[in-house]
Amino acid sequence: MYCIRGATTIENDNKEDVLSCTEDLLKKIIDANDIKIENIISIIFSCTRDITSAYPAEAARNMGIVRAGLMCLQEMYVEKSLEKCIRVLMFVDKDIKQEEAKHIYINGAKDLRKDL
């Protein structure tokens, strides 16, 4: 089992942006790491407090990720932190080393991990 991190930002706090940006992030994580949906154990989503229009987990369910445990949390507020940010922590049942995981940061969240 290993864990993959990722993050994205949305332009506007509306259901369409939350779901489409979350789905885009999840697809990029799945593709980059060659993951089969049935091997996803769980996904934890966290959102900044300025996202209130939808749960990002709905995007995962819409993609057919229905057997994995999903949880949405509001992350702690830190002054001057990135706004309208959705973070993902995905646990996958696959026999690879943790250091081989490809973490994905897109849109405004690219600045969070310039090393990737």
N, C-alpha and C. Protein backbone atom coordinates (compact mmCIF):
# COMPACT_ATOMS: atom_id res chain seq x y z
N MET A 1 0.85 -1.18 0.00
CA MET A 1 0.00 0.00 0.00
C MET A 1 0.90 1.24 0.00
N TYR A 2 0.43 2.26 -0.69
CA TYR A 2 1.15 3.52 -0.68
C TYR A 2 0.17 4.67 -0.74
N CYS A 3 0.69 5.87 -0.57
CA CYS A 3 -0.14 7.07 -0.46
C CYS A 3 0.33 8.11 -1.47
N ILE A 4 -0.64 8.76 -2.11
CA ILE A 4 -0.35 9.79 -3.09
C ILE A 4 -1.00 11.09 -2.64
N ARG A 5 -0.26 12.18 -2.78
CA ARG A 5 -0.79 13.50 -2.44
C ARG A 5 -1.03 14.30 -3.71
N GLY A 6 -1.96 15.22 -3.61
CA GLY A 6 -2.21 16.11 -4.73
C GLY A 6 -3.04 17.29 -4.28
N ALA A 7 -3.09 18.31 -5.13
CA ALA A 7 -3.89 19.49 -4.81
C ALA A 7 -4.22 20.23 -6.09
N THR A 8 -5.30 20.98 -6.02
CA THR A 8 -5.73 21.84 -7.10
C THR A 8 -6.41 23.06 -6.51
N THR A 9 -6.68 24.02 -7.33
CA THR A 9 -7.47 25.17 -6.91
C THR A 9 -8.64 25.32 -7.87
N ILE A 10 -9.67 26.04 -7.39
CA ILE A 10 -10.81 26.34 -8.24
C ILE A 10 -10.86 27.85 -8.45
N GLU A 11 -11.47 28.25 -9.56
CA GLU A 11 -11.63 29.68 -9.84
C GLU A 11 -12.74 30.28 -9.00
N ASN A 12 -13.89 29.59 -8.98
CA ASN A 12 -15.08 30.11 -8.29
C ASN A 12 -15.66 29.02 -7.41
N ASP A 13 -16.20 29.43 -6.29
CA ASP A 13 -16.82 28.46 -5.40
C ASP A 13 -18.24 28.15 -5.89
N ASN A 14 -18.31 27.24 -6.84
CA ASN A 14 -19.59 26.72 -7.29
C ASN A 14 -19.43 25.23 -7.53
N LYS A 15 -20.54 24.52 -7.52
CA LYS A 15 -20.50 23.06 -7.61
C LYS A 15 -19.77 22.58 -8.86
N GLU A 16 -20.00 23.24 -9.98
CA GLU A 16 -19.37 22.82 -11.23
C GLU A 16 -17.85 22.89 -11.15
N ASP A 17 -17.31 23.98 -10.61
CA ASP A 17 -15.86 24.11 -10.49
C ASP A 17 -15.28 23.09 -9.51
N VAL A 18 -15.94 22.92 -8.37
CA VAL A 18 -15.46 21.95 -7.38
C VAL A 18 -15.39 20.56 -8.00
N LEU A 19 -16.45 20.13 -8.65
CA LEU A 19 -16.49 18.78 -9.20
C LEU A 19 -15.56 18.61 -10.39
N SER A 20 -15.51 19.57 -11.29
CA SER A 20 -14.66 19.40 -12.48
C SER A 20 -13.18 19.47 -12.13
N CYS A 21 -12.80 20.37 -11.26
CA CYS A 21 -11.38 20.47 -10.87
C CYS A 21 -10.95 19.26 -10.05
N THR A 22 -11.83 18.77 -9.19
CA THR A 22 -11.50 17.56 -8.41
C THR A 22 -11.37 16.36 -9.33
N GLU A 23 -12.29 16.21 -10.26
CA GLU A 23 -12.21 15.10 -11.20
C GLU A 23 -10.94 15.17 -12.03
N ASP A 24 -10.57 16.34 -12.48
CA ASP A 24 -9.34 16.52 -13.26
C ASP A 24 -8.13 16.09 -12.43
N LEU A 25 -8.07 16.51 -11.18
CA LEU A 25 -6.96 16.12 -10.30
C LEU A 25 -6.92 14.61 -10.09
N LEU A 26 -8.06 14.02 -9.80
CA LEU A 26 -8.10 12.57 -9.56
C LEU A 26 -7.68 11.80 -10.81
N LYS A 27 -8.14 12.21 -11.98
CA LYS A 27 -7.75 11.53 -13.22
C LYS A 27 -6.25 11.64 -13.45
N LYS A 28 -5.67 12.79 -13.18
CA LYS A 28 -4.23 12.97 -13.36
C LYS A 28 -3.44 12.09 -12.38
N ILE A 29 -3.90 11.98 -11.15
CA ILE A 29 -3.25 11.11 -10.16
C ILE A 29 -3.33 9.66 -10.62
N ILE A 30 -4.52 9.23 -11.02
CA ILE A 30 -4.74 7.85 -11.45
C ILE A 30 -3.89 7.53 -12.67
N ASP A 31 -3.87 8.41 -13.65
CA ASP A 31 -3.09 8.17 -14.87
C ASP A 31 -1.59 8.16 -14.60
N ALA A 32 -1.10 9.13 -13.84
CA ALA A 32 0.34 9.24 -13.59
C ALA A 32 0.88 8.05 -12.80
N ASN A 33 0.01 7.45 -11.98
CA ASN A 33 0.44 6.35 -11.12
C ASN A 33 -0.07 4.99 -11.59
N ASP A 34 -0.70 4.95 -12.77
CA ASP A 34 -1.21 3.71 -13.34
C ASP A 34 -2.05 2.93 -12.32
N ILE A 35 -3.07 3.61 -11.79
CA ILE A 35 -3.91 3.04 -10.74
C ILE A 35 -5.21 2.52 -11.34
N LYS A 36 -5.63 1.36 -10.88
CA LYS A 36 -6.96 0.84 -11.21
C LYS A 36 -7.90 1.31 -10.11
N ILE A 37 -9.08 1.74 -10.50
CA ILE A 37 -10.05 2.27 -9.52
C ILE A 37 -10.30 1.28 -8.39
N GLU A 38 -10.35 -0.01 -8.71
CA GLU A 38 -10.63 -1.01 -7.67
C GLU A 38 -9.49 -1.13 -6.65
N ASN A 39 -8.33 -0.56 -6.95
CA ASN A 39 -7.20 -0.60 -6.01
C ASN A 39 -7.14 0.61 -5.09
N ILE A 40 -8.06 1.56 -5.27
CA ILE A 40 -8.10 2.72 -4.38
C ILE A 40 -8.78 2.30 -3.08
N ILE A 41 -8.05 2.40 -1.98
CA ILE A 41 -8.57 2.01 -0.67
C ILE A 41 -9.41 3.13 -0.07
N SER A 42 -8.86 4.34 -0.07
CA SER A 42 -9.58 5.48 0.48
C SER A 42 -8.98 6.78 -0.04
N ILE A 43 -9.79 7.83 0.04
CA ILE A 43 -9.34 9.16 -0.34
C ILE A 43 -9.82 10.14 0.72
N ILE A 44 -8.91 10.94 1.21
CA ILE A 44 -9.26 12.02 2.12
C ILE A 44 -9.11 13.32 1.35
N PHE A 45 -10.17 14.11 1.34
CA PHE A 45 -10.16 15.42 0.69
C PHE A 45 -10.16 16.48 1.78
N SER A 46 -9.38 17.52 1.60
CA SER A 46 -9.50 18.68 2.48
C SER A 46 -9.68 19.91 1.61
N CYS A 47 -10.48 20.83 2.10
CA CYS A 47 -10.76 22.07 1.37
C CYS A 47 -10.51 23.25 2.29
N THR A 48 -10.07 24.34 1.67
CA THR A 48 -9.97 25.57 2.43
C THR A 48 -11.38 26.05 2.78
N ARG A 49 -11.47 26.88 3.78
CA ARG A 49 -12.78 27.25 4.31
C ARG A 49 -13.61 28.11 3.36
N ASP A 50 -13.01 28.56 2.27
CA ASP A 50 -13.76 29.36 1.29
C ASP A 50 -14.46 28.49 0.23
N ILE A 51 -14.39 27.18 0.37
CA ILE A 51 -15.12 26.27 -0.51
C ILE A 51 -16.30 25.71 0.27
N THR A 52 -17.51 26.09 -0.15
CA THR A 52 -18.71 25.70 0.59
C THR A 52 -19.82 25.16 -0.31
N SER A 53 -19.59 25.08 -1.61
CA SER A 53 -20.69 24.76 -2.53
C SER A 53 -20.87 23.28 -2.83
N ALA A 54 -19.86 22.46 -2.58
CA ALA A 54 -19.97 21.03 -2.89
C ALA A 54 -18.87 20.25 -2.18
N TYR A 55 -19.14 18.96 -1.98
CA TYR A 55 -18.12 18.05 -1.45
C TYR A 55 -17.30 17.50 -2.62
N PRO A 56 -15.98 17.57 -2.56
CA PRO A 56 -15.18 17.02 -3.66
C PRO A 56 -15.35 15.50 -3.81
N ALA A 57 -15.73 14.81 -2.76
CA ALA A 57 -15.93 13.36 -2.85
C ALA A 57 -17.00 13.00 -3.88
N GLU A 58 -17.92 13.91 -4.14
CA GLU A 58 -18.95 13.65 -5.14
C GLU A 58 -18.32 13.41 -6.51
N ALA A 59 -17.24 14.09 -6.82
CA ALA A 59 -16.55 13.88 -8.10
C ALA A 59 -16.01 12.46 -8.18
N ALA A 60 -15.45 11.95 -7.08
CA ALA A 60 -14.93 10.58 -7.06
C ALA A 60 -16.06 9.58 -7.30
N ARG A 61 -17.17 9.78 -6.65
CA ARG A 61 -18.31 8.87 -6.84
C ARG A 61 -18.79 8.93 -8.29
N ASN A 62 -18.83 10.13 -8.87
CA ASN A 62 -19.25 10.28 -10.27
C ASN A 62 -18.31 9.56 -11.23
N MET A 63 -17.06 9.39 -10.83
CA MET A 63 -16.06 8.70 -11.66
C MET A 63 -16.13 7.19 -11.49
N GLY A 64 -16.96 6.70 -10.59
CA GLY A 64 -17.06 5.27 -10.36
C GLY A 64 -16.23 4.77 -9.19
N ILE A 65 -15.67 5.68 -8.42
CA ILE A 65 -14.92 5.28 -7.22
C ILE A 65 -15.96 5.11 -6.11
N VAL A 66 -16.54 3.91 -6.06
CA VAL A 66 -17.67 3.69 -5.16
C VAL A 66 -17.37 2.73 -4.02
N ARG A 67 -16.26 1.98 -4.10
CA ARG A 67 -15.93 1.03 -3.04
C ARG A 67 -14.93 1.59 -2.04
N ALA A 68 -14.25 2.65 -2.41
CA ALA A 68 -13.25 3.25 -1.53
C ALA A 68 -13.93 4.12 -0.48
N GLY A 69 -13.31 4.20 0.68
CA GLY A 69 -13.79 5.12 1.70
C GLY A 69 -13.41 6.54 1.33
N LEU A 70 -14.36 7.46 1.43
CA LEU A 70 -14.10 8.86 1.10
C LEU A 70 -14.45 9.73 2.29
N MET A 71 -13.66 10.77 2.51
CA MET A 71 -13.94 11.70 3.59
C MET A 71 -13.54 13.10 3.16
N CYS A 72 -14.39 14.07 3.48
CA CYS A 72 -14.11 15.47 3.18
C CYS A 72 -13.95 16.23 4.50
N LEU A 73 -12.89 17.00 4.59
CA LEU A 73 -12.59 17.77 5.79
C LEU A 73 -12.30 19.22 5.42
N GLN A 74 -12.55 20.10 6.36
CA GLN A 74 -12.14 21.49 6.18
C GLN A 74 -10.77 21.62 6.82
N GLU A 75 -9.83 22.15 6.06
CA GLU A 75 -8.48 22.27 6.62
C GLU A 75 -8.37 23.50 7.50
N MET A 76 -7.38 23.50 8.34
CA MET A 76 -7.21 24.62 9.25
C MET A 76 -6.87 25.89 8.48
N TYR A 77 -7.28 26.99 9.01
CA TYR A 77 -7.04 28.28 8.37
C TYR A 77 -5.68 28.82 8.79
N VAL A 78 -4.90 29.23 7.82
CA VAL A 78 -3.62 29.88 8.05
C VAL A 78 -3.62 31.17 7.25
N GLU A 79 -3.32 32.27 7.91
CA GLU A 79 -3.30 33.56 7.22
C GLU A 79 -2.40 33.51 5.99
N LYS A 80 -2.87 34.14 4.92
CA LYS A 80 -2.13 34.27 3.66
C LYS A 80 -1.86 32.94 2.98
N SER A 81 -2.60 31.89 3.33
CA SER A 81 -2.42 30.61 2.65
C SER A 81 -3.19 30.61 1.34
N LEU A 82 -2.92 29.62 0.52
CA LEU A 82 -3.57 29.49 -0.78
C LEU A 82 -5.08 29.37 -0.61
N GLU A 83 -5.82 30.14 -1.39
CA GLU A 83 -7.28 30.13 -1.30
C GLU A 83 -7.89 29.17 -2.32
N LYS A 84 -9.13 28.78 -2.03
CA LYS A 84 -9.91 27.90 -2.91
C LYS A 84 -9.11 26.67 -3.33
N CYS A 85 -8.54 26.02 -2.34
CA CYS A 85 -7.66 24.87 -2.57
C CYS A 85 -8.32 23.57 -2.10
N ILE A 86 -8.23 22.56 -2.94
CA ILE A 86 -8.69 21.21 -2.61
C ILE A 86 -7.46 20.31 -2.59
N ARG A 87 -7.25 19.64 -1.48
CA ARG A 87 -6.13 18.71 -1.36
C ARG A 87 -6.66 17.28 -1.31
N VAL A 88 -5.83 16.35 -1.78
CA VAL A 88 -6.20 14.94 -1.84
C VAL A 88 -5.10 14.11 -1.21
N LEU A 89 -5.51 13.11 -0.44
CA LEU A 89 -4.60 12.10 0.09
C LEU A 89 -5.22 10.75 -0.27
N MET A 90 -4.63 10.06 -1.24
CA MET A 90 -5.20 8.82 -1.78
C MET A 90 -4.35 7.63 -1.33
N PHE A 91 -5.01 6.64 -0.74
CA PHE A 91 -4.35 5.40 -0.33
C PHE A 91 -4.68 4.32 -1.35
N VAL A 92 -3.63 3.66 -1.85
CA VAL A 92 -3.79 2.71 -2.95
C VAL A 92 -3.15 1.38 -2.58
N ASP A 93 -3.85 0.29 -2.93
CA ASP A 93 -3.33 -1.06 -2.74
C ASP A 93 -2.59 -1.46 -4.01
N LYS A 94 -1.30 -1.21 -4.00
CA LYS A 94 -0.46 -1.54 -5.15
C LYS A 94 0.95 -1.75 -4.63
N ASP A 95 1.63 -2.70 -5.19
CA ASP A 95 2.95 -3.06 -4.68
C ASP A 95 4.04 -2.20 -5.33
N ILE A 96 4.17 -0.98 -4.85
CA ILE A 96 5.29 -0.13 -5.27
C ILE A 96 5.86 0.53 -4.01
N LYS A 97 7.02 1.09 -4.16
CA LYS A 97 7.64 1.79 -3.04
C LYS A 97 7.07 3.20 -2.96
N GLN A 98 6.91 3.70 -1.75
CA GLN A 98 6.34 5.03 -1.54
C GLN A 98 7.09 6.10 -2.34
N GLU A 99 8.39 5.98 -2.45
CA GLU A 99 9.16 7.01 -3.17
C GLU A 99 8.90 6.99 -4.68
N GLU A 100 8.23 5.96 -5.18
CA GLU A 100 7.87 5.90 -6.59
C GLU A 100 6.54 6.59 -6.89
N ALA A 101 5.80 6.96 -5.87
CA ALA A 101 4.50 7.61 -6.08
C ALA A 101 4.70 8.96 -6.76
N LYS A 102 3.82 9.26 -7.69
CA LYS A 102 3.88 10.53 -8.41
C LYS A 102 2.78 11.43 -7.86
N HIS A 103 3.18 12.44 -7.11
CA HIS A 103 2.25 13.38 -6.50
C HIS A 103 1.93 14.47 -7.52
N ILE A 104 0.67 14.91 -7.54
CA ILE A 104 0.21 15.82 -8.59
C ILE A 104 -0.34 17.11 -7.97
N TYR A 105 0.22 18.22 -8.38
CA TYR A 105 -0.23 19.55 -7.95
C TYR A 105 -0.50 20.36 -9.20
N ILE A 106 -1.75 20.81 -9.38
CA ILE A 106 -2.13 21.51 -10.61
C ILE A 106 -2.81 22.84 -10.30
N ASN A 107 -3.01 23.60 -11.35
CA ASN A 107 -3.63 24.93 -11.26
C ASN A 107 -2.85 25.78 -10.27
N GLY A 108 -3.51 26.54 -9.43
CA GLY A 108 -2.83 27.41 -8.48
C GLY A 108 -2.05 26.66 -7.41
N ALA A 109 -2.34 25.37 -7.25
CA ALA A 109 -1.66 24.57 -6.23
C ALA A 109 -0.24 24.17 -6.64
N LYS A 110 0.15 24.42 -7.89
CA LYS A 110 1.51 24.11 -8.33
C LYS A 110 2.54 24.78 -7.42
N ASP A 111 2.21 25.95 -6.92
CA ASP A 111 3.15 26.70 -6.07
C ASP A 111 3.39 26.03 -4.72
N LEU A 112 2.52 25.11 -4.33
CA LEU A 112 2.69 24.44 -3.04
C LEU A 112 3.88 23.49 -3.06
N ARG A 113 4.15 22.90 -4.22
CA ARG A 113 5.23 21.91 -4.34
C ARG A 113 6.04 22.18 -5.58
N LYS A 114 6.83 23.22 -5.56
CA LYS A 114 7.68 23.57 -6.70
C LYS A 114 8.73 22.50 -6.97
N ASP A 115 9.03 21.68 -5.97
CA ASP A 115 10.01 20.62 -6.12
C ASP A 115 9.49 19.47 -6.98
N LEU A 116 8.18 19.40 -7.18
CA LEU A 116 7.61 18.32 -7.99
C LEU A 116 7.43 18.79 -9.42
